[in-house]
Amino acid sequence: MPGEESLSTLSEFFRILGDVTRIKILHLLSHSDLYVQDIASLLDMNQSAISHQLRILKQARLVKYRRKGRSICYSIDDDHIKQIFSQGFEHINE
């Protein structure tokens, strides 16, 4: 059995994935890197709300960013996240 700390960290990971807006953001980013304003436009939400969700995803190391001038471009942090996302869809569509 994994240690309590590992189980707690995994539980937090799945809690973060348990939000529809964050899932939508991850879905968009699994297809291409996007700027905050692009994500906001695609999801028909304001940039402030998207930035808040991206901050949570960044803190959980699910997304990363790079700054281009005054804009910030976000992408999925690594292939593990894409695989988890893809496997989740496979599971629910079986």
N, C-alpha and C. Protein backbone atom coordinates (compact mmCIF):
# COMPACT_ATOMS: atom_id res chain seq x y z
N MET A 1 0.85 -1.18 0.00
CA MET A 1 0.00 0.00 0.00
C MET A 1 0.89 1.24 0.00
N PRO A 2 0.62 2.17 -0.92
CA PRO A 2 1.39 3.42 -0.92
C PRO A 2 1.21 4.16 0.41
N GLY A 3 2.14 5.05 0.69
CA GLY A 3 2.09 5.82 1.92
C GLY A 3 0.93 6.82 1.92
N GLU A 4 0.57 7.27 3.09
CA GLU A 4 -0.54 8.20 3.27
C GLU A 4 -0.33 9.49 2.48
N GLU A 5 0.89 9.99 2.45
CA GLU A 5 1.18 11.23 1.73
C GLU A 5 0.95 11.04 0.22
N SER A 6 1.40 9.92 -0.32
CA SER A 6 1.20 9.64 -1.74
C SER A 6 -0.28 9.53 -2.07
N LEU A 7 -1.03 8.85 -1.22
CA LEU A 7 -2.47 8.70 -1.45
C LEU A 7 -3.18 10.04 -1.37
N SER A 8 -2.76 10.87 -0.44
CA SER A 8 -3.34 12.20 -0.29
C SER A 8 -3.05 13.06 -1.53
N THR A 9 -1.83 12.98 -2.02
CA THR A 9 -1.45 13.74 -3.21
C THR A 9 -2.24 13.27 -4.43
N LEU A 10 -2.43 11.96 -4.56
CA LEU A 10 -3.22 11.42 -5.67
C LEU A 10 -4.67 11.85 -5.56
N SER A 11 -5.20 11.87 -4.36
CA SER A 11 -6.57 12.31 -4.13
C SER A 11 -6.73 13.77 -4.54
N GLU A 12 -5.77 14.60 -4.21
CA GLU A 12 -5.80 16.02 -4.59
C GLU A 12 -5.74 16.17 -6.12
N PHE A 13 -4.92 15.35 -6.76
CA PHE A 13 -4.81 15.34 -8.22
C PHE A 13 -6.19 15.08 -8.85
N PHE A 14 -6.89 14.06 -8.37
CA PHE A 14 -8.20 13.74 -8.93
C PHE A 14 -9.25 14.79 -8.56
N ARG A 15 -9.10 15.42 -7.41
CA ARG A 15 -10.02 16.50 -7.03
C ARG A 15 -9.91 17.65 -8.02
N ILE A 16 -8.68 17.97 -8.40
CA ILE A 16 -8.46 19.06 -9.35
C ILE A 16 -9.08 18.72 -10.70
N LEU A 17 -9.01 17.47 -11.10
CA LEU A 17 -9.61 17.04 -12.36
C LEU A 17 -11.14 16.98 -12.28
N GLY A 18 -11.69 17.12 -11.10
CA GLY A 18 -13.13 16.99 -10.89
C GLY A 18 -13.93 18.25 -11.18
N ASP A 19 -13.38 19.18 -11.90
CA ASP A 19 -14.07 20.42 -12.23
C ASP A 19 -14.29 20.50 -13.74
N VAL A 20 -15.52 20.73 -14.18
CA VAL A 20 -15.84 20.73 -15.61
C VAL A 20 -15.06 21.79 -16.38
N THR A 21 -14.91 22.96 -15.83
CA THR A 21 -14.17 24.02 -16.53
C THR A 21 -12.72 23.61 -16.72
N ARG A 22 -12.11 23.04 -15.70
CA ARG A 22 -10.71 22.61 -15.83
C ARG A 22 -10.59 21.48 -16.85
N ILE A 23 -11.56 20.59 -16.90
CA ILE A 23 -11.56 19.52 -17.90
C ILE A 23 -11.66 20.11 -19.30
N LYS A 24 -12.52 21.11 -19.47
CA LYS A 24 -12.64 21.76 -20.78
C LYS A 24 -11.32 22.41 -21.19
N ILE A 25 -10.67 23.07 -20.26
CA ILE A 25 -9.38 23.71 -20.55
C ILE A 25 -8.35 22.65 -20.94
N LEU A 26 -8.27 21.57 -20.18
CA LEU A 26 -7.32 20.51 -20.50
C LEU A 26 -7.62 19.89 -21.86
N HIS A 27 -8.90 19.74 -22.17
CA HIS A 27 -9.28 19.20 -23.47
C HIS A 27 -8.77 20.11 -24.60
N LEU A 28 -8.99 21.40 -24.47
CA LEU A 28 -8.49 22.33 -25.49
C LEU A 28 -6.97 22.27 -25.61
N LEU A 29 -6.30 22.26 -24.46
CA LEU A 29 -4.84 22.26 -24.47
C LEU A 29 -4.26 20.93 -24.93
N SER A 30 -5.04 19.87 -24.87
CA SER A 30 -4.53 18.58 -25.35
C SER A 30 -4.42 18.57 -26.87
N HIS A 31 -5.07 19.54 -27.52
CA HIS A 31 -5.01 19.64 -28.97
C HIS A 31 -4.02 20.68 -29.46
N SER A 32 -3.83 21.76 -28.70
CA SER A 32 -2.86 22.77 -29.10
C SER A 32 -2.59 23.73 -27.94
N ASP A 33 -1.45 24.39 -28.01
CA ASP A 33 -1.10 25.43 -27.04
C ASP A 33 -1.99 26.63 -27.32
N LEU A 34 -2.44 27.28 -26.24
CA LEU A 34 -3.36 28.41 -26.41
C LEU A 34 -3.04 29.53 -25.44
N TYR A 35 -3.39 30.75 -25.85
CA TYR A 35 -3.30 31.91 -24.98
C TYR A 35 -4.57 32.01 -24.14
N VAL A 36 -4.46 32.68 -23.02
CA VAL A 36 -5.60 32.84 -22.11
C VAL A 36 -6.81 33.40 -22.86
N GLN A 37 -6.59 34.43 -23.66
CA GLN A 37 -7.71 35.04 -24.38
C GLN A 37 -8.36 34.06 -25.36
N ASP A 38 -7.56 33.17 -25.94
CA ASP A 38 -8.12 32.17 -26.86
C ASP A 38 -9.00 31.16 -26.11
N ILE A 39 -8.51 30.71 -24.96
CA ILE A 39 -9.28 29.77 -24.15
C ILE A 39 -10.59 30.42 -23.70
N ALA A 40 -10.49 31.67 -23.24
CA ALA A 40 -11.69 32.39 -22.80
C ALA A 40 -12.70 32.51 -23.93
N SER A 41 -12.23 32.81 -25.11
CA SER A 41 -13.12 32.95 -26.26
C SER A 41 -13.76 31.61 -26.62
N LEU A 42 -12.98 30.55 -26.68
CA LEU A 42 -13.50 29.23 -27.04
C LEU A 42 -14.52 28.70 -26.03
N LEU A 43 -14.31 29.04 -24.76
CA LEU A 43 -15.21 28.57 -23.71
C LEU A 43 -16.29 29.59 -23.37
N ASP A 44 -16.26 30.74 -24.04
CA ASP A 44 -17.22 31.81 -23.80
C ASP A 44 -17.26 32.19 -22.32
N MET A 45 -16.06 32.43 -21.78
CA MET A 45 -15.90 32.85 -20.38
C MET A 45 -14.98 34.06 -20.35
N ASN A 46 -14.98 34.75 -19.21
CA ASN A 46 -14.09 35.90 -19.12
C ASN A 46 -12.66 35.44 -18.77
N GLN A 47 -11.70 36.26 -19.15
CA GLN A 47 -10.28 35.91 -18.96
C GLN A 47 -9.92 35.72 -17.49
N SER A 48 -10.55 36.46 -16.62
CA SER A 48 -10.27 36.34 -15.20
C SER A 48 -10.62 34.95 -14.68
N ALA A 49 -11.79 34.44 -15.08
CA ALA A 49 -12.21 33.10 -14.65
C ALA A 49 -11.27 32.04 -15.20
N ILE A 50 -10.86 32.19 -16.45
CA ILE A 50 -9.94 31.23 -17.07
C ILE A 50 -8.58 31.29 -16.37
N SER A 51 -8.10 32.49 -16.11
CA SER A 51 -6.81 32.65 -15.42
C SER A 51 -6.83 31.98 -14.06
N HIS A 52 -7.93 32.09 -13.35
CA HIS A 52 -8.06 31.46 -12.04
C HIS A 52 -7.92 29.93 -12.17
N GLN A 53 -8.63 29.35 -13.13
CA GLN A 53 -8.56 27.90 -13.33
C GLN A 53 -7.17 27.47 -13.81
N LEU A 54 -6.56 28.26 -14.67
CA LEU A 54 -5.21 27.94 -15.14
C LEU A 54 -4.20 27.99 -13.99
N ARG A 55 -4.39 28.90 -13.07
CA ARG A 55 -3.50 28.98 -11.91
C ARG A 55 -3.57 27.69 -11.09
N ILE A 56 -4.76 27.17 -10.90
CA ILE A 56 -4.94 25.91 -10.17
C ILE A 56 -4.26 24.76 -10.93
N LEU A 57 -4.47 24.72 -12.23
CA LEU A 57 -3.87 23.66 -13.05
C LEU A 57 -2.34 23.77 -13.06
N LYS A 58 -1.84 25.00 -13.07
CA LYS A 58 -0.39 25.21 -13.05
C LYS A 58 0.21 24.78 -11.72
N GLN A 59 -0.45 25.12 -10.62
CA GLN A 59 0.04 24.73 -9.30
C GLN A 59 0.07 23.21 -9.14
N ALA A 60 -0.84 22.53 -9.81
CA ALA A 60 -0.91 21.07 -9.75
C ALA A 60 0.02 20.43 -10.78
N ARG A 61 0.75 21.24 -11.53
CA ARG A 61 1.68 20.79 -12.56
C ARG A 61 0.98 20.03 -13.68
N LEU A 62 -0.24 20.44 -14.00
CA LEU A 62 -0.96 19.85 -15.11
C LEU A 62 -0.77 20.66 -16.39
N VAL A 63 -0.50 21.95 -16.24
CA VAL A 63 -0.20 22.80 -17.38
C VAL A 63 1.07 23.59 -17.09
N LYS A 64 1.68 24.05 -18.16
CA LYS A 64 2.84 24.94 -18.04
C LYS A 64 2.59 26.14 -18.95
N TYR A 65 3.40 27.15 -18.81
CA TYR A 65 3.19 28.35 -19.61
C TYR A 65 4.52 28.92 -20.07
N ARG A 66 4.41 29.74 -21.09
CA ARG A 66 5.55 30.54 -21.54
C ARG A 66 5.01 31.92 -21.88
N ARG A 67 5.80 32.90 -21.56
CA ARG A 67 5.39 34.29 -21.78
C ARG A 67 5.90 34.75 -23.13
N LYS A 68 5.02 35.39 -23.88
CA LYS A 68 5.38 36.02 -25.15
C LYS A 68 4.93 37.46 -25.07
N GLY A 69 5.86 38.34 -24.73
CA GLY A 69 5.50 39.74 -24.53
C GLY A 69 4.60 39.86 -23.32
N ARG A 70 3.42 40.42 -23.52
CA ARG A 70 2.47 40.58 -22.43
C ARG A 70 1.48 39.42 -22.34
N SER A 71 1.55 38.51 -23.30
CA SER A 71 0.62 37.38 -23.33
C SER A 71 1.28 36.12 -22.78
N ILE A 72 0.45 35.22 -22.29
CA ILE A 72 0.93 33.96 -21.75
C ILE A 72 0.27 32.82 -22.52
N CYS A 73 1.11 31.93 -23.02
CA CYS A 73 0.63 30.78 -23.77
C CYS A 73 0.72 29.54 -22.88
N TYR A 74 -0.36 28.79 -22.81
CA TYR A 74 -0.41 27.60 -21.96
C TYR A 74 -0.39 26.33 -22.79
N SER A 75 0.16 25.27 -22.18
CA SER A 75 0.19 23.96 -22.81
C SER A 75 0.10 22.89 -21.71
N ILE A 76 -0.21 21.67 -22.11
CA ILE A 76 -0.21 20.55 -21.18
C ILE A 76 1.22 20.36 -20.68
N ASP A 77 1.38 20.07 -19.40
CA ASP A 77 2.72 19.99 -18.81
C ASP A 77 3.56 18.87 -19.39
N ASP A 78 3.00 17.67 -19.54
CA ASP A 78 3.77 16.57 -20.13
C ASP A 78 2.83 15.51 -20.68
N ASP A 79 3.42 14.51 -21.31
CA ASP A 79 2.62 13.48 -21.96
C ASP A 79 1.79 12.65 -20.98
N HIS A 80 2.21 12.58 -19.72
CA HIS A 80 1.42 11.83 -18.73
C HIS A 80 0.02 12.40 -18.63
N ILE A 81 -0.08 13.70 -18.63
CA ILE A 81 -1.39 14.35 -18.50
C ILE A 81 -2.24 14.04 -19.72
N LYS A 82 -1.65 14.09 -20.90
CA LYS A 82 -2.40 13.75 -22.12
C LYS A 82 -2.87 12.30 -22.07
N GLN A 83 -2.04 11.40 -21.57
CA GLN A 83 -2.41 9.99 -21.49
C GLN A 83 -3.54 9.77 -20.49
N ILE A 84 -3.47 10.41 -19.34
CA ILE A 84 -4.52 10.28 -18.34
C ILE A 84 -5.84 10.79 -18.91
N PHE A 85 -5.79 11.92 -19.56
CA PHE A 85 -6.97 12.52 -20.17
C PHE A 85 -7.54 11.60 -21.24
N SER A 86 -6.68 11.10 -22.10
CA SER A 86 -7.10 10.20 -23.18
C SER A 86 -7.69 8.90 -22.63
N GLN A 87 -7.05 8.33 -21.63
CA GLN A 87 -7.54 7.09 -21.03
C GLN A 87 -8.87 7.30 -20.32
N GLY A 88 -9.07 8.44 -19.73
CA GLY A 88 -10.34 8.76 -19.10
C GLY A 88 -11.45 8.75 -20.12
N PHE A 89 -11.22 9.36 -21.29
CA PHE A 89 -12.22 9.36 -22.35
C PHE A 89 -12.46 7.95 -22.87
N GLU A 90 -11.39 7.18 -23.04
CA GLU A 90 -11.56 5.80 -23.49
C GLU A 90 -12.44 5.03 -22.51
N HIS A 91 -12.19 5.22 -21.24
CA HIS A 91 -12.94 4.50 -20.22
C HIS A 91 -14.43 4.83 -20.26
N ILE A 92 -14.76 6.09 -20.35
CA ILE A 92 -16.19 6.47 -20.31
C ILE A 92 -16.90 6.17 -21.62
N ASN A 93 -16.14 6.00 -22.71
CA ASN A 93 -16.76 5.73 -24.01
C ASN A 93 -16.81 4.25 -24.37
N GLU A 94 -16.40 3.38 -23.46
CA GLU A 94 -16.44 1.94 -23.72
C GLU A 94 -17.87 1.43 -23.69
